[in-house]
Amino acid sequence: MDEKDILARIDEYVGEEQRLRDRYQRGDLARDEEHRRLEDLEVALDQCWDLLRRRRARIDAGSDPGDADAHVRPPDEVEGYLQ
């Protein structure tokens, strides 16, 4: 997955997030379902942003961003970062 693909996926997730919020506001979606799906989207977005940052760091360091370690990390790893 290259940077363009990652950014496209981020855009898709953000669009889905907005559609979920709109559906909830119209009453087409239960609050618990909206909340569950938004949590899933948040994790997926965090994974994409993590991958994008790591790819860019590899480029800045003069390394190949597509090397084997440039993969999507598991949710428990990405969500466990201290900020």
N, C-alpha and C. Protein backbone atom coordinates (compact mmCIF):
# COMPACT_ATOMS: atom_id res chain seq x y z
N MET A 1 0.85 -1.17 0.00
CA MET A 1 0.00 0.00 0.00
C MET A 1 0.90 1.24 0.00
N ASP A 2 0.69 2.12 -0.97
CA ASP A 2 1.51 3.33 -1.01
C ASP A 2 0.76 4.49 -0.34
N GLU A 3 1.43 5.64 -0.29
CA GLU A 3 0.85 6.79 0.41
C GLU A 3 -0.50 7.19 -0.16
N LYS A 4 -0.62 7.15 -1.48
CA LYS A 4 -1.88 7.51 -2.13
C LYS A 4 -3.00 6.57 -1.67
N ASP A 5 -2.71 5.28 -1.58
CA ASP A 5 -3.71 4.31 -1.12
C ASP A 5 -4.10 4.55 0.33
N ILE A 6 -3.12 4.86 1.16
CA ILE A 6 -3.38 5.10 2.58
C ILE A 6 -4.26 6.33 2.74
N LEU A 7 -3.92 7.41 2.03
CA LEU A 7 -4.72 8.63 2.12
C LEU A 7 -6.14 8.42 1.59
N ALA A 8 -6.28 7.61 0.55
CA ALA A 8 -7.61 7.30 0.03
C ALA A 8 -8.42 6.53 1.06
N ARG A 9 -7.78 5.60 1.74
CA ARG A 9 -8.48 4.82 2.77
C ARG A 9 -8.89 5.73 3.93
N ILE A 10 -8.01 6.64 4.33
CA ILE A 10 -8.34 7.59 5.39
C ILE A 10 -9.57 8.41 4.98
N ASP A 11 -9.56 8.86 3.75
CA ASP A 11 -10.69 9.65 3.24
C ASP A 11 -11.99 8.83 3.27
N GLU A 12 -11.91 7.56 2.90
CA GLU A 12 -13.08 6.68 2.95
C GLU A 12 -13.61 6.54 4.37
N TYR A 13 -12.71 6.33 5.32
CA TYR A 13 -13.12 6.17 6.71
C TYR A 13 -13.76 7.43 7.26
N VAL A 14 -13.18 8.58 6.92
CA VAL A 14 -13.74 9.85 7.39
C VAL A 14 -15.13 10.06 6.78
N GLY A 15 -15.29 9.71 5.52
CA GLY A 15 -16.60 9.81 4.88
C GLY A 15 -17.62 8.89 5.54
N GLU A 16 -17.20 7.67 5.85
CA GLU A 16 -18.09 6.74 6.52
C GLU A 16 -18.48 7.25 7.90
N GLU A 17 -17.52 7.84 8.60
CA GLU A 17 -17.80 8.41 9.91
C GLU A 17 -18.90 9.48 9.80
N GLN A 18 -18.79 10.34 8.82
CA GLN A 18 -19.78 11.40 8.62
C GLN A 18 -21.15 10.81 8.27
N ARG A 19 -21.16 9.79 7.41
CA ARG A 19 -22.43 9.15 7.05
C ARG A 19 -23.09 8.50 8.26
N LEU A 20 -22.30 7.88 9.13
CA LEU A 20 -22.85 7.28 10.35
C LEU A 20 -23.48 8.34 11.24
N ARG A 21 -22.79 9.44 11.41
CA ARG A 21 -23.31 10.52 12.25
C ARG A 21 -24.62 11.08 11.65
N ASP A 22 -24.64 11.22 10.34
CA ASP A 22 -25.86 11.70 9.67
C ASP A 22 -27.02 10.71 9.87
N ARG A 23 -26.74 9.43 9.71
CA ARG A 23 -27.79 8.41 9.89
C ARG A 23 -28.31 8.44 11.32
N TYR A 24 -27.43 8.60 12.28
CA TYR A 24 -27.86 8.65 13.68
C TYR A 24 -28.75 9.88 13.91
N GLN A 25 -28.34 11.02 13.37
CA GLN A 25 -29.12 12.25 13.56
C GLN A 25 -30.51 12.15 12.92
N ARG A 26 -30.61 11.41 11.82
CA ARG A 26 -31.91 11.21 11.16
C ARG A 26 -32.75 10.15 11.87
N GLY A 27 -32.14 9.42 12.80
CA GLY A 27 -32.86 8.36 13.50
C GLY A 27 -32.83 7.02 12.79
N ASP A 28 -31.97 6.90 11.78
CA ASP A 28 -31.85 5.66 11.01
C ASP A 28 -30.90 4.66 11.64
N LEU A 29 -30.27 5.04 12.73
CA LEU A 29 -29.25 4.20 13.34
C LEU A 29 -29.33 4.34 14.85
N ALA A 30 -29.31 3.22 15.54
CA ALA A 30 -29.35 3.24 17.00
C ALA A 30 -28.02 3.78 17.55
N ARG A 31 -28.09 4.41 18.70
CA ARG A 31 -26.90 5.02 19.31
C ARG A 31 -25.81 3.99 19.57
N ASP A 32 -26.17 2.81 20.09
CA ASP A 32 -25.14 1.81 20.39
C ASP A 32 -24.48 1.28 19.12
N GLU A 33 -25.24 1.16 18.04
CA GLU A 33 -24.66 0.72 16.77
C GLU A 33 -23.72 1.79 16.22
N GLU A 34 -24.15 3.05 16.30
CA GLU A 34 -23.30 4.15 15.84
C GLU A 34 -22.01 4.18 16.65
N HIS A 35 -22.13 4.06 17.95
CA HIS A 35 -20.97 4.11 18.83
C HIS A 35 -19.99 2.96 18.53
N ARG A 36 -20.51 1.76 18.37
CA ARG A 36 -19.66 0.60 18.07
C ARG A 36 -18.91 0.80 16.76
N ARG A 37 -19.63 1.23 15.73
CA ARG A 37 -18.99 1.41 14.42
C ARG A 37 -18.00 2.56 14.45
N LEU A 38 -18.31 3.63 15.16
CA LEU A 38 -17.37 4.75 15.27
C LEU A 38 -16.09 4.32 15.97
N GLU A 39 -16.21 3.47 16.98
CA GLU A 39 -15.01 2.95 17.64
C GLU A 39 -14.16 2.15 16.66
N ASP A 40 -14.81 1.32 15.83
CA ASP A 40 -14.07 0.55 14.82
C ASP A 40 -13.36 1.47 13.83
N LEU A 41 -14.06 2.52 13.41
CA LEU A 41 -13.47 3.47 12.47
C LEU A 41 -12.30 4.22 13.09
N GLU A 42 -12.42 4.57 14.36
CA GLU A 42 -11.34 5.27 15.05
C GLU A 42 -10.07 4.42 15.07
N VAL A 43 -10.22 3.13 15.35
CA VAL A 43 -9.07 2.23 15.35
C VAL A 43 -8.48 2.12 13.95
N ALA A 44 -9.33 1.95 12.95
CA ALA A 44 -8.86 1.84 11.57
C ALA A 44 -8.13 3.11 11.14
N LEU A 45 -8.65 4.26 11.51
CA LEU A 45 -7.98 5.52 11.19
C LEU A 45 -6.64 5.62 11.90
N ASP A 46 -6.59 5.24 13.16
CA ASP A 46 -5.32 5.26 13.89
C ASP A 46 -4.29 4.36 13.22
N GLN A 47 -4.73 3.20 12.74
CA GLN A 47 -3.82 2.29 12.05
C GLN A 47 -3.30 2.92 10.76
N CYS A 48 -4.17 3.57 10.01
CA CYS A 48 -3.75 4.21 8.76
C CYS A 48 -2.78 5.36 9.02
N TRP A 49 -3.09 6.20 10.00
CA TRP A 49 -2.19 7.31 10.32
C TRP A 49 -0.84 6.80 10.80
N ASP A 50 -0.85 5.73 11.58
CA ASP A 50 0.39 5.13 12.06
C ASP A 50 1.23 4.64 10.88
N LEU A 51 0.61 3.95 9.95
CA LEU A 51 1.32 3.44 8.78
C LEU A 51 1.87 4.59 7.94
N LEU A 52 1.07 5.62 7.75
CA LEU A 52 1.52 6.78 6.97
C LEU A 52 2.71 7.46 7.64
N ARG A 53 2.65 7.66 8.95
CA ARG A 53 3.79 8.28 9.67
C ARG A 53 5.05 7.43 9.55
N ARG A 54 4.89 6.10 9.68
CA ARG A 54 6.07 5.23 9.59
C ARG A 54 6.65 5.23 8.18
N ARG A 55 5.79 5.24 7.16
CA ARG A 55 6.28 5.30 5.78
C ARG A 55 7.06 6.60 5.54
N ARG A 56 6.50 7.70 6.01
CA ARG A 56 7.15 9.00 5.82
C ARG A 56 8.47 9.07 6.58
N ALA A 57 8.51 8.48 7.76
CA ALA A 57 9.76 8.45 8.53
C ALA A 57 10.82 7.63 7.80
N ARG A 58 10.42 6.52 7.20
CA ARG A 58 11.37 5.71 6.44
C ARG A 58 11.91 6.49 5.24
N ILE A 59 11.04 7.23 4.57
CA ILE A 59 11.48 8.05 3.43
C ILE A 59 12.48 9.11 3.91
N ASP A 60 12.15 9.79 5.02
CA ASP A 60 13.03 10.81 5.57
C ASP A 60 14.39 10.24 5.96
N ALA A 61 14.41 8.97 6.37
CA ALA A 61 15.65 8.31 6.78
C ALA A 61 16.39 7.70 5.59
N GLY A 62 15.83 7.84 4.39
CA GLY A 62 16.48 7.31 3.21
C GLY A 62 16.24 5.83 2.99
N SER A 63 15.24 5.26 3.66
CA SER A 63 14.92 3.84 3.51
C SER A 63 13.73 3.66 2.58
N ASP A 64 13.54 2.43 2.16
CA ASP A 64 12.41 2.08 1.30
C ASP A 64 11.15 2.01 2.15
N PRO A 65 10.14 2.83 1.85
CA PRO A 65 8.92 2.81 2.66
C PRO A 65 8.11 1.53 2.49
N GLY A 66 8.39 0.77 1.47
CA GLY A 66 7.65 -0.46 1.21
C GLY A 66 8.29 -1.70 1.79
N ASP A 67 9.31 -1.53 2.64
CA ASP A 67 9.96 -2.70 3.25
C ASP A 67 8.97 -3.52 4.06
N ALA A 68 9.38 -4.70 4.43
CA ALA A 68 8.51 -5.68 5.10
C ALA A 68 7.88 -5.14 6.37
N ASP A 69 8.56 -4.26 7.10
CA ASP A 69 7.98 -3.79 8.35
C ASP A 69 6.99 -2.64 8.15
N ALA A 70 6.74 -2.26 6.90
CA ALA A 70 5.79 -1.20 6.61
C ALA A 70 4.41 -1.81 6.37
N HIS A 71 3.84 -2.36 7.41
CA HIS A 71 2.52 -2.98 7.33
C HIS A 71 1.61 -2.36 8.40
N VAL A 72 0.34 -2.64 8.29
CA VAL A 72 -0.60 -2.14 9.29
C VAL A 72 -0.38 -2.90 10.58
N ARG A 73 -0.16 -2.16 11.64
CA ARG A 73 0.06 -2.79 12.95
C ARG A 73 -1.28 -3.20 13.55
N PRO A 74 -1.26 -4.20 14.42
CA PRO A 74 -2.51 -4.65 15.06
C PRO A 74 -3.11 -3.55 15.94
N PRO A 75 -4.44 -3.56 16.09
CA PRO A 75 -5.10 -2.52 16.88
C PRO A 75 -4.55 -2.38 18.29
N ASP A 76 -4.27 -3.48 18.97
CA ASP A 76 -3.79 -3.37 20.35
C ASP A 76 -2.43 -2.68 20.43
N GLU A 77 -1.63 -2.81 19.40
CA GLU A 77 -0.33 -2.14 19.37
C GLU A 77 -0.49 -0.65 19.10
N VAL A 78 -1.30 -0.30 18.10
CA VAL A 78 -1.50 1.10 17.73
C VAL A 78 -2.24 1.85 18.83
N GLU A 79 -3.22 1.23 19.43
CA GLU A 79 -4.03 1.89 20.45
C GLU A 79 -3.29 1.97 21.79
N GLY A 80 -2.18 1.25 21.93
CA GLY A 80 -1.44 1.27 23.19
C GLY A 80 -0.38 2.34 23.28
N TYR A 81 -0.23 3.17 22.23
CA TYR A 81 0.78 4.22 22.24
C TYR A 81 0.47 5.27 23.28
N LEU A 82 1.51 5.77 23.91
CA LEU A 82 1.35 6.91 24.82
C LEU A 82 1.51 8.18 24.01
N GLN A 83 0.68 9.17 24.30
CA GLN A 83 0.74 10.41 23.54
C GLN A 83 1.20 11.54 24.41
